[in-house]
Amino acid sequence: MSMANKRRRTCTISDDDDGEPLPLDLLLEILARSDVRTVLRCAATSKTIRRVILGQDFHRRRRLALLRTDGFDPALLLGVSYMVNTAPVAFRGEHLRFDARLLRSHELVDSRDGFVVLQQREKIPFHDRLPPRCAVPIICDLRVCDSLTGETYRLPPPPAIGYGYPHALLLTHDDGGGGRSFQLLAADRGLRTQTFSSTDGRWGPVLETTHYASQYPYSAPVEHKDYTSRPIVLYGSGAAVHVHWLRLRSKECMYGSHAPHIVALDVGSAQLATRIDLPPECVSRMGWIQNATTGLQLATSSSPTGSLAVLVAEILVISMWTLEDSSTPAWIRQVVIKRQLIRKQPPGPRTHYIRFMGFGQRSGTVLLKTDSVGLVQLNLGSKDVVIIETDSFNLNCTQLCLHEINLSSLLQAMGQ
């Protein structure tokens, strides 16, 4: 290699000429294996280093460095917010600007790329003669909170559609000037949708679903026995966006049209809704102590652009069932971890209860609660287990939020 080429393949840690040159290949290897905070700090110190980090070579090396964690990046999880005895707690969230006290009064709907969707609901009876449980949930306060900046957006409810499936955060963007934008999708019981854009500050037009919209299995729950999970959003080629919800009618009615299934919505001008049935073994392998409401968790197999998957709390293990992308969809099962490894003690005669609490698509983090340990953080890639909270009895199971960031988006914003 000529001396000129050698000079081109070196750079310095700072923009001045006093620093000792560092070979570019070595710098890329170091940063590709560094945590998110180190990468962002280095990108902020030098335009030269920022150009290197924004390049395809860096992203290729980082993907290779993440092979041991199946493509997930555990460093993208900045922290976890949850409630214990009505007291808000932040686990490793010292850099977050999220007001966890909101979890006392608001229900968590979705969280993605540092944004958190919260809502308050009240129930308005259909008619005075009907029993109290026959009520329509009405959203009275809808907020989107930015965990990184502390900014809170108060959104009006969708003007043209009623409450149905849990709202889904779609595209998020960092504009490079400290501003961050998002899109929020609302879907009613018939899967008609409206999308709020923080850039425009308003809800868009109503879009009708072109298929399956009127069939019973796709109706959103209105009774306390029904359950619809928080959404999983996958991005396809081009501008394709696919939103998925796990639907359960009730634990007493687990077969036929009421069996656990996934509602998949292709978001776009010609919306298409489809039903994806789960393998029957998903339910049968859980055993008598689990139920589908707590023992199933929507997930992805590798990154937000990966394959759709379902985590199952089986009797002896936690398994992942991945949906293959093929003309004839098929589910592939693999064991994630044995239950006794979570308890970190020899298996006993008792079968311990597991409740899935949430999943982070970018970091591959699964949050779950067990009656023998407490609140546990499990990474699907590294298989590392961290016990967050041992006060299992007093933990508020419904109010728990993962705070993740989108490294690519942040880096692109820094380059603008």
Protein backbone atom coordinates (compact mmCIF):
# COMPACT_ATOMS: atom_id res chain seq x y z
CA MET A 1 0.00 0.00 0.00
CA SER A 2 1.37 3.44 -0.93
CA MET A 3 2.05 6.11 1.66
CA ALA A 4 -0.80 8.19 0.20
CA ASN A 5 -3.26 5.34 0.72
CA LYS A 6 -1.98 4.84 4.27
CA ARG A 7 -2.57 8.53 4.98
CA ARG A 8 -6.09 8.26 3.59
CA ARG A 9 -6.85 5.35 5.89
CA THR A 10 -5.92 7.20 9.08
CA CYS A 11 -7.80 9.81 11.05
CA THR A 12 -7.54 11.54 14.42
CA ILE A 13 -9.76 11.55 17.46
CA SER A 14 -10.04 15.34 17.25
CA ASP A 15 -10.25 17.85 14.41
CA ASP A 16 -6.91 19.46 15.22
CA ASP A 17 -3.61 18.12 13.93
CA ASP A 18 -2.05 17.54 17.34
CA GLY A 19 -3.70 14.17 17.94
CA GLU A 20 -1.90 10.91 17.21
CA PRO A 21 -3.31 9.40 13.99
CA LEU A 22 -5.42 6.28 14.51
CA PRO A 23 -5.80 3.80 11.64
CA LEU A 24 -9.30 3.99 10.21
CA ASP A 25 -9.79 0.23 10.23
CA LEU A 26 -8.89 0.04 13.91
CA LEU A 27 -11.21 2.93 14.74
CA LEU A 28 -14.10 1.24 12.94
CA GLU A 29 -13.48 -2.04 14.74
CA ILE A 30 -13.41 -0.31 18.13
CA LEU A 31 -16.59 1.68 17.52
CA ALA A 32 -18.43 -1.28 16.00
CA ARG A 33 -17.98 -3.10 19.32
CA SER A 34 -18.67 -0.10 21.54
CA ASP A 35 -21.87 0.77 23.37
CA VAL A 36 -24.29 3.35 22.02
CA ARG A 37 -23.16 6.18 24.31
CA THR A 38 -19.52 5.76 23.20
CA VAL A 39 -20.50 5.79 19.53
CA LEU A 40 -22.57 8.95 19.95
CA ARG A 41 -19.82 10.70 21.94
CA CYS A 42 -17.23 9.89 19.30
CA ALA A 43 -19.55 11.02 16.52
CA ALA A 44 -20.01 14.36 18.28
CA THR A 45 -16.27 15.06 18.64
CA SER A 46 -15.25 15.15 15.00
CA LYS A 47 -16.81 15.64 11.57
CA THR A 48 -14.30 13.14 10.18
CA ILE A 49 -15.30 10.47 12.67
CA ARG A 50 -18.97 11.28 12.14
CA ARG A 51 -18.59 10.69 8.38
CA VAL A 52 -16.91 7.36 9.13
CA ILE A 53 -19.71 6.29 11.48
CA LEU A 54 -22.37 7.28 8.97
CA GLY A 55 -20.71 5.18 6.27
CA GLN A 56 -21.83 1.74 5.12
CA ASP A 57 -18.56 0.16 6.23
CA PHE A 58 -19.29 1.02 9.87
CA HIS A 59 -22.82 -0.39 9.68
CA ARG A 60 -21.53 -3.58 8.07
CA ARG A 61 -18.95 -4.04 10.82
CA ARG A 62 -21.52 -3.35 13.54
CA ARG A 63 -23.88 -5.95 12.09
CA LEU A 64 -21.03 -8.47 12.13
CA ALA A 65 -20.20 -7.56 15.73
CA LEU A 66 -23.84 -8.21 16.69
CA LEU A 67 -23.95 -11.71 15.23
CA ARG A 68 -23.34 -13.20 18.67
CA THR A 69 -26.58 -11.56 19.84
CA ASP A 70 -28.60 -12.65 16.76
CA GLY A 71 -28.67 -9.12 15.35
CA PHE A 72 -30.09 -7.49 18.47
CA ASP A 73 -28.23 -4.60 20.10
CA PRO A 74 -28.71 -4.78 23.91
CA ALA A 75 -27.11 -1.32 24.28
CA LEU A 76 -30.14 0.27 22.58
CA LEU A 77 -32.14 -0.31 25.78
CA LEU A 78 -31.54 2.79 27.90
CA GLY A 79 -33.78 1.90 30.83
CA VAL A 80 -37.04 0.56 32.20
CA SER A 81 -39.80 2.46 34.04
CA TYR A 82 -42.31 0.66 36.26
CA MET A 83 -44.35 0.95 39.45
CA VAL A 84 -43.82 -0.58 42.90
CA ASN A 85 -46.37 0.27 45.62
CA THR A 86 -47.56 3.27 43.52
CA ALA A 87 -43.98 4.59 43.51
CA PRO A 88 -42.37 5.14 40.08
CA VAL A 89 -39.03 3.44 39.54
CA ALA A 90 -36.43 3.88 36.78
CA PHE A 91 -34.05 0.99 36.21
CA ARG A 92 -30.81 2.15 34.55
CA GLY A 93 -32.67 5.16 33.25
CA GLU A 94 -30.40 7.94 34.46
CA HIS A 95 -30.25 9.52 30.98
CA LEU A 96 -34.01 9.43 30.44
CA ARG A 97 -36.32 12.43 30.69
CA PHE A 98 -39.50 10.41 31.12
CA ASP A 99 -41.80 11.32 34.04
CA ALA A 100 -42.54 7.87 35.44
CA ARG A 101 -45.18 9.37 37.74
CA LEU A 102 -47.53 9.36 34.75
CA LEU A 103 -47.74 5.58 35.12
CA ARG A 104 -49.87 6.16 38.24
CA SER A 105 -52.74 7.64 36.26
CA HIS A 106 -52.16 6.59 32.65
CA GLU A 107 -52.15 3.29 30.80
CA LEU A 108 -49.14 2.41 28.67
CA VAL A 109 -50.16 1.78 25.05
CA ASP A 110 -46.92 1.57 23.07
CA SER A 111 -43.26 2.61 23.20
CA ARG A 112 -40.69 2.78 20.43
CA ASP A 113 -37.46 4.67 19.68
CA GLY A 114 -37.68 6.77 22.83
CA PHE A 115 -41.36 7.69 22.44
CA VAL A 116 -44.01 6.49 24.93
CA VAL A 117 -47.76 6.50 24.26
CA LEU A 118 -50.01 6.86 27.33
CA GLN A 119 -53.76 7.19 27.67
CA GLN A 120 -56.50 7.63 30.23
CA ARG A 121 -59.81 5.98 29.57
CA GLU A 122 -63.28 6.15 31.06
CA LYS A 123 -66.20 3.84 30.34
CA ILE A 124 -69.53 5.22 29.16
CA PRO A 125 -72.43 2.71 29.44
CA PHE A 126 -74.37 1.86 26.31
CA HIS A 127 -77.66 2.22 28.15
CA ASP A 128 -78.77 2.46 31.76
CA ARG A 129 -80.62 -0.86 31.52
CA LEU A 130 -77.54 -2.76 30.41
CA PRO A 131 -75.13 -4.27 32.95
CA PRO A 132 -72.14 -2.05 33.94
CA ARG A 133 -69.62 -4.21 32.09
CA CYS A 134 -71.30 -3.38 28.77
CA ALA A 135 -69.46 -0.14 28.30
CA VAL A 136 -67.48 1.66 25.64
CA PRO A 137 -63.95 2.79 26.60
CA ILE A 138 -63.53 6.47 25.76
CA ILE A 139 -60.06 8.02 25.67
CA CYS A 140 -60.09 11.22 27.71
CA ASP A 141 -56.35 11.98 27.68
CA LEU A 142 -53.88 10.81 25.03
CA ARG A 143 -50.19 11.69 25.33
CA VAL A 144 -46.96 10.89 23.53
CA CYS A 145 -43.88 11.46 25.69
CA ASP A 146 -40.33 11.80 24.40
CA SER A 147 -38.08 9.92 26.83
CA LEU A 148 -34.94 11.59 25.46
CA THR A 149 -36.00 15.25 25.53
CA GLY A 150 -38.78 15.23 28.15
CA GLU A 151 -41.23 16.84 25.74
CA THR A 152 -44.88 15.75 26.00
CA TYR A 153 -47.41 15.95 23.20
CA ARG A 154 -51.10 16.11 24.14
CA LEU A 155 -53.10 14.66 21.28
CA PRO A 156 -56.80 15.03 20.55
CA PRO A 157 -58.61 11.70 20.12
CA PRO A 158 -59.09 10.53 16.53
CA PRO A 159 -62.01 12.65 15.31
CA ALA A 160 -63.63 10.12 12.94
CA ILE A 161 -63.11 6.68 14.52
CA GLY A 162 -63.80 5.19 17.93
CA TYR A 163 -61.61 3.19 20.27
CA GLY A 164 -60.51 -0.21 19.01
CA TYR A 165 -57.06 -1.73 18.85
CA PRO A 166 -54.21 -0.24 20.93
CA HIS A 167 -52.53 2.67 19.14
CA ALA A 168 -49.26 1.96 17.33
CA LEU A 169 -46.22 4.21 16.94
CA LEU A 170 -45.14 4.08 13.32
CA LEU A 171 -42.28 6.04 11.79
CA THR A 172 -40.07 8.11 14.07
CA HIS A 173 -37.53 10.67 12.91
CA ASP A 174 -34.76 12.87 14.34
CA ASP A 175 -34.39 16.11 12.39
CA GLY A 176 -30.81 16.89 13.51
CA GLY A 177 -31.78 20.13 15.21
CA GLY A 178 -32.86 18.59 18.47
CA GLY A 179 -36.39 17.93 17.23
CA ARG A 180 -38.01 14.53 16.96
CA SER A 181 -41.19 13.59 15.12
CA PHE A 182 -43.48 10.58 15.05
CA GLN A 183 -46.62 9.09 13.53
CA LEU A 184 -49.31 7.42 15.64
CA LEU A 185 -51.82 4.99 14.14
CA ALA A 186 -55.31 4.52 15.63
CA ALA A 187 -57.53 1.63 14.50
CA ASP A 188 -61.19 1.04 15.38
CA ARG A 189 -63.01 -2.29 15.74
CA GLY A 190 -63.45 -2.55 11.99
CA LEU A 191 -59.75 -1.74 11.43
CA ARG A 192 -60.48 1.61 9.88
CA THR A 193 -57.48 3.79 10.67
CA GLN A 194 -56.39 7.38 11.18
CA THR A 195 -52.77 8.48 11.56
CA PHE A 196 -51.57 11.44 13.60
CA SER A 197 -48.45 13.24 12.37
CA SER A 198 -46.53 15.34 14.89
CA THR A 199 -45.08 17.29 11.97
CA ASP A 200 -48.52 18.33 10.72
CA GLY A 201 -50.04 18.44 14.19
CA ARG A 202 -53.29 16.77 13.11
CA TRP A 203 -54.98 13.49 12.29
CA GLY A 204 -55.07 12.38 8.67
CA PRO A 205 -58.00 10.98 6.68
CA VAL A 206 -59.85 7.79 7.55
CA LEU A 207 -58.64 4.76 5.62
CA GLU A 208 -60.87 1.74 5.12
CA THR A 209 -59.53 -1.79 5.35
CA THR A 210 -59.99 -3.63 2.07
CA HIS A 211 -60.23 -7.17 3.45
CA TYR A 212 -61.61 -9.02 6.48
CA ALA A 213 -62.77 -5.83 8.13
CA SER A 214 -66.26 -7.11 8.94
CA GLN A 215 -65.37 -10.61 10.13
CA TYR A 216 -65.91 -11.36 13.81
CA PRO A 217 -62.39 -12.55 14.78
CA TYR A 218 -61.02 -9.12 13.93
CA SER A 219 -63.25 -7.14 16.29
CA ALA A 220 -61.44 -5.39 19.10
CA PRO A 221 -62.28 -6.46 22.66
CA VAL A 222 -65.07 -4.72 24.55
CA GLU A 223 -65.47 -7.11 27.48
CA HIS A 224 -63.07 -7.70 30.35
CA LYS A 225 -62.40 -11.27 29.20
CA ASP A 226 -61.01 -10.09 25.87
CA TYR A 227 -57.38 -9.18 25.33
CA THR A 228 -55.44 -7.39 22.62
CA SER A 229 -51.68 -7.00 23.01
CA ARG A 230 -49.56 -3.96 22.43
CA PRO A 231 -48.57 -3.75 18.77
CA ILE A 232 -45.46 -4.99 17.01
CA VAL A 233 -44.46 -2.91 13.97
CA LEU A 234 -42.33 -4.31 11.16
CA TYR A 235 -40.98 -2.40 8.17
CA GLY A 236 -40.85 -4.05 4.75
CA SER A 237 -39.30 -2.99 1.49
CA GLY A 238 -39.84 0.60 0.46
CA ALA A 239 -42.36 2.36 2.66
CA ALA A 240 -44.27 -0.78 3.68
CA VAL A 241 -45.35 -0.82 7.33
CA HIS A 242 -46.98 -3.84 8.98
CA VAL A 243 -48.73 -3.61 12.37
CA HIS A 244 -49.51 -6.76 14.38
CA TRP A 245 -51.68 -7.38 17.45
CA LEU A 246 -52.15 -10.60 19.39
CA ARG A 247 -55.87 -11.28 19.90
CA LEU A 248 -57.46 -13.48 22.55
CA ARG A 249 -61.18 -13.83 23.02
CA SER A 250 -61.03 -15.37 26.50
CA LYS A 251 -59.16 -18.11 28.29
CA GLU A 252 -62.37 -20.15 28.44
CA CYS A 253 -62.72 -20.08 24.64
CA MET A 254 -59.33 -20.98 23.17
CA TYR A 255 -60.23 -22.90 20.03
CA GLY A 256 -61.83 -22.34 16.65
CA SER A 257 -62.43 -18.72 15.67
CA HIS A 258 -61.69 -17.65 19.27
CA ALA A 259 -58.27 -19.30 19.44
CA PRO A 260 -55.24 -17.02 19.97
CA HIS A 261 -54.30 -15.43 16.67
CA ILE A 262 -52.49 -12.43 15.23
CA VAL A 263 -54.22 -9.61 13.39
CA ALA A 264 -51.85 -8.23 10.75
CA LEU A 265 -52.54 -4.86 9.13
CA ASP A 266 -50.59 -3.63 6.12
CA VAL A 267 -50.71 0.14 6.52
CA GLY A 268 -51.11 2.14 3.34
CA SER A 269 -53.57 3.63 0.90
CA ALA A 270 -54.97 0.13 0.18
CA GLN A 271 -55.01 -1.38 3.65
CA LEU A 272 -55.14 -5.13 3.94
CA ALA A 273 -55.98 -6.98 7.16
CA THR A 274 -55.26 -10.67 7.55
CA ARG A 275 -55.49 -13.25 10.31
CA ILE A 276 -52.43 -15.33 11.22
CA ASP A 277 -53.21 -18.43 13.26
CA LEU A 278 -50.79 -19.63 15.89
CA PRO A 279 -49.71 -23.28 16.08
CA PRO A 280 -52.02 -25.22 18.45
CA GLU A 281 -48.93 -26.35 20.39
CA CYS A 282 -48.37 -22.78 21.59
CA VAL A 283 -51.26 -23.18 24.01
CA SER A 284 -50.92 -26.86 24.84
CA ARG A 285 -47.21 -26.56 25.73
CA MET A 286 -47.90 -23.92 28.41
CA GLY A 287 -49.52 -26.39 30.79
CA TRP A 288 -52.25 -25.82 33.34
CA ILE A 289 -50.55 -23.04 35.33
CA GLN A 290 -50.25 -20.58 32.41
CA ASN A 291 -52.88 -18.92 30.26
CA ALA A 292 -52.51 -17.32 26.86
CA THR A 293 -53.06 -13.78 28.16
CA THR A 294 -49.87 -13.86 30.22
CA GLY A 295 -47.93 -16.74 28.64
CA LEU A 296 -47.73 -15.43 25.05
CA GLN A 297 -45.70 -12.41 23.90
CA LEU A 298 -45.47 -10.95 20.39
CA ALA A 299 -41.84 -10.44 19.38
CA THR A 300 -39.45 -10.36 16.41
CA SER A 301 -36.73 -12.83 15.58
CA SER A 302 -33.87 -10.40 15.05
CA SER A 303 -34.35 -6.69 14.35
CA PRO A 304 -37.35 -4.44 13.69
CA THR A 305 -37.08 -5.58 10.05
CA GLY A 306 -36.88 -9.25 11.07
CA SER A 307 -39.53 -11.96 11.13
CA LEU A 308 -42.59 -11.96 13.34
CA ALA A 309 -42.32 -14.28 16.35
CA VAL A 310 -44.21 -15.34 19.45
CA LEU A 311 -42.62 -16.12 22.82
CA VAL A 312 -44.28 -18.95 24.73
CA ALA A 313 -43.94 -19.71 28.46
CA GLU A 314 -43.86 -23.49 28.26
CA ILE A 315 -43.75 -25.82 31.26
CA LEU A 316 -39.96 -26.22 31.36
CA VAL A 317 -38.63 -23.61 28.92
CA ILE A 318 -39.34 -20.30 27.21
CA SER A 319 -39.55 -20.90 23.48
CA MET A 320 -39.73 -18.69 20.42
CA TRP A 321 -41.96 -19.55 17.48
CA THR A 322 -40.82 -17.67 14.37
CA LEU A 323 -43.05 -17.14 11.34
CA GLU A 324 -41.17 -17.92 8.14
CA ASP A 325 -41.65 -15.49 5.28
CA SER A 326 -42.79 -17.82 2.55
CA SER A 327 -45.74 -18.48 0.27
CA THR A 328 -46.97 -21.07 2.79
CA PRO A 329 -46.42 -19.56 6.26
CA ALA A 330 -44.86 -21.99 8.73
CA TRP A 331 -43.87 -21.64 12.38
CA ILE A 332 -40.38 -22.72 13.50
CA ARG A 333 -39.83 -23.41 17.22
CA GLN A 334 -36.59 -22.96 19.13
CA VAL A 335 -35.80 -22.94 22.84
CA VAL A 336 -34.70 -19.56 24.21
CA ILE A 337 -33.87 -20.51 27.81
CA LYS A 338 -34.72 -23.10 30.43
CA ARG A 339 -36.83 -21.92 33.33
CA GLN A 340 -34.38 -23.06 36.01
CA LEU A 341 -31.71 -20.81 34.48
CA ILE A 342 -33.96 -17.83 35.17
CA ARG A 343 -34.41 -18.94 38.78
CA LYS A 344 -30.71 -19.83 38.94
CA GLN A 345 -31.44 -22.84 41.12
CA PRO A 346 -32.01 -26.55 40.50
CA PRO A 347 -35.46 -27.35 39.11
CA GLY A 348 -37.94 -28.40 41.76
CA PRO A 349 -41.29 -30.11 41.66
CA ARG A 350 -43.16 -26.80 41.45
CA THR A 351 -43.96 -25.24 38.07
CA HIS A 352 -43.43 -21.49 38.35
CA TYR A 353 -45.79 -18.96 36.82
CA ILE A 354 -44.45 -16.54 34.20
CA ARG A 355 -46.08 -13.35 32.99
CA PHE A 356 -44.62 -11.55 29.97
CA MET A 357 -44.46 -7.81 30.56
CA GLY A 358 -43.01 -6.38 27.36
CA PHE A 359 -40.57 -6.73 24.48
CA GLY A 360 -38.01 -4.36 22.96
CA GLN A 361 -37.65 -4.92 19.22
CA ARG A 362 -34.27 -3.23 18.80
CA SER A 363 -32.46 -4.56 21.85
CA GLY A 364 -34.13 -7.98 21.93
CA THR A 365 -35.06 -7.45 25.57
CA VAL A 366 -37.89 -9.44 27.16
CA LEU A 367 -39.34 -8.33 30.48
CA LEU A 368 -41.17 -10.97 32.48
CA LYS A 369 -42.39 -11.57 35.99
CA THR A 370 -42.16 -14.87 37.84
CA ASP A 371 -43.72 -15.79 41.17
CA SER A 372 -40.39 -17.20 42.36
CA VAL A 373 -37.99 -14.39 41.39
CA GLY A 374 -39.78 -11.13 40.58
CA LEU A 375 -39.22 -8.83 37.61
CA VAL A 376 -36.61 -10.25 35.22
CA GLN A 377 -34.87 -8.85 32.14
CA LEU A 378 -33.89 -11.45 29.53
CA ASN A 379 -32.02 -10.69 26.30
CA LEU A 380 -32.92 -12.98 23.41
CA GLY A 381 -29.53 -12.58 21.74
CA SER A 382 -27.02 -12.84 24.57
CA LYS A 383 -29.32 -14.93 26.84
CA ASP A 384 -28.22 -12.71 29.75
CA VAL A 385 -30.61 -12.61 32.71
CA VAL A 386 -30.85 -9.60 35.03
CA ILE A 387 -33.13 -9.50 38.08
CA ILE A 388 -34.62 -6.00 38.23
CA GLU A 389 -37.06 -6.26 41.12
CA THR A 390 -37.55 -9.00 43.70
CA ASP A 391 -40.73 -7.56 45.25
CA SER A 392 -42.95 -9.73 43.08
CA PHE A 393 -46.12 -9.31 45.16
CA ASN A 394 -46.23 -5.51 45.14
CA LEU A 395 -45.13 -4.98 41.56
CA ASN A 396 -47.78 -3.31 39.39
CA CYS A 397 -47.77 -5.69 36.44
CA THR A 398 -49.62 -3.47 33.97
CA GLN A 399 -47.45 -0.36 34.14
CA LEU A 400 -44.01 -1.15 32.76
CA CYS A 401 -42.22 0.59 29.90
CA LEU A 402 -39.03 -0.13 27.96
CA HIS A 403 -37.07 2.88 26.68
CA GLU A 404 -35.13 2.08 23.50
CA ILE A 405 -33.41 4.31 20.96
CA ASN A 406 -32.86 4.06 17.23
CA LEU A 407 -29.10 4.40 16.72
CA SER A 408 -29.29 4.77 12.93
CA SER A 409 -31.82 7.58 13.23
CA LEU A 410 -29.73 9.44 15.80
CA LEU A 411 -26.58 9.11 13.72
CA GLN A 412 -28.33 10.35 10.59
CA ALA A 413 -29.65 13.34 12.51
CA MET A 414 -26.13 14.21 13.67
CA GLY A 415 -24.96 14.19 10.08
CA GLN A 416 -27.52 16.75 8.94
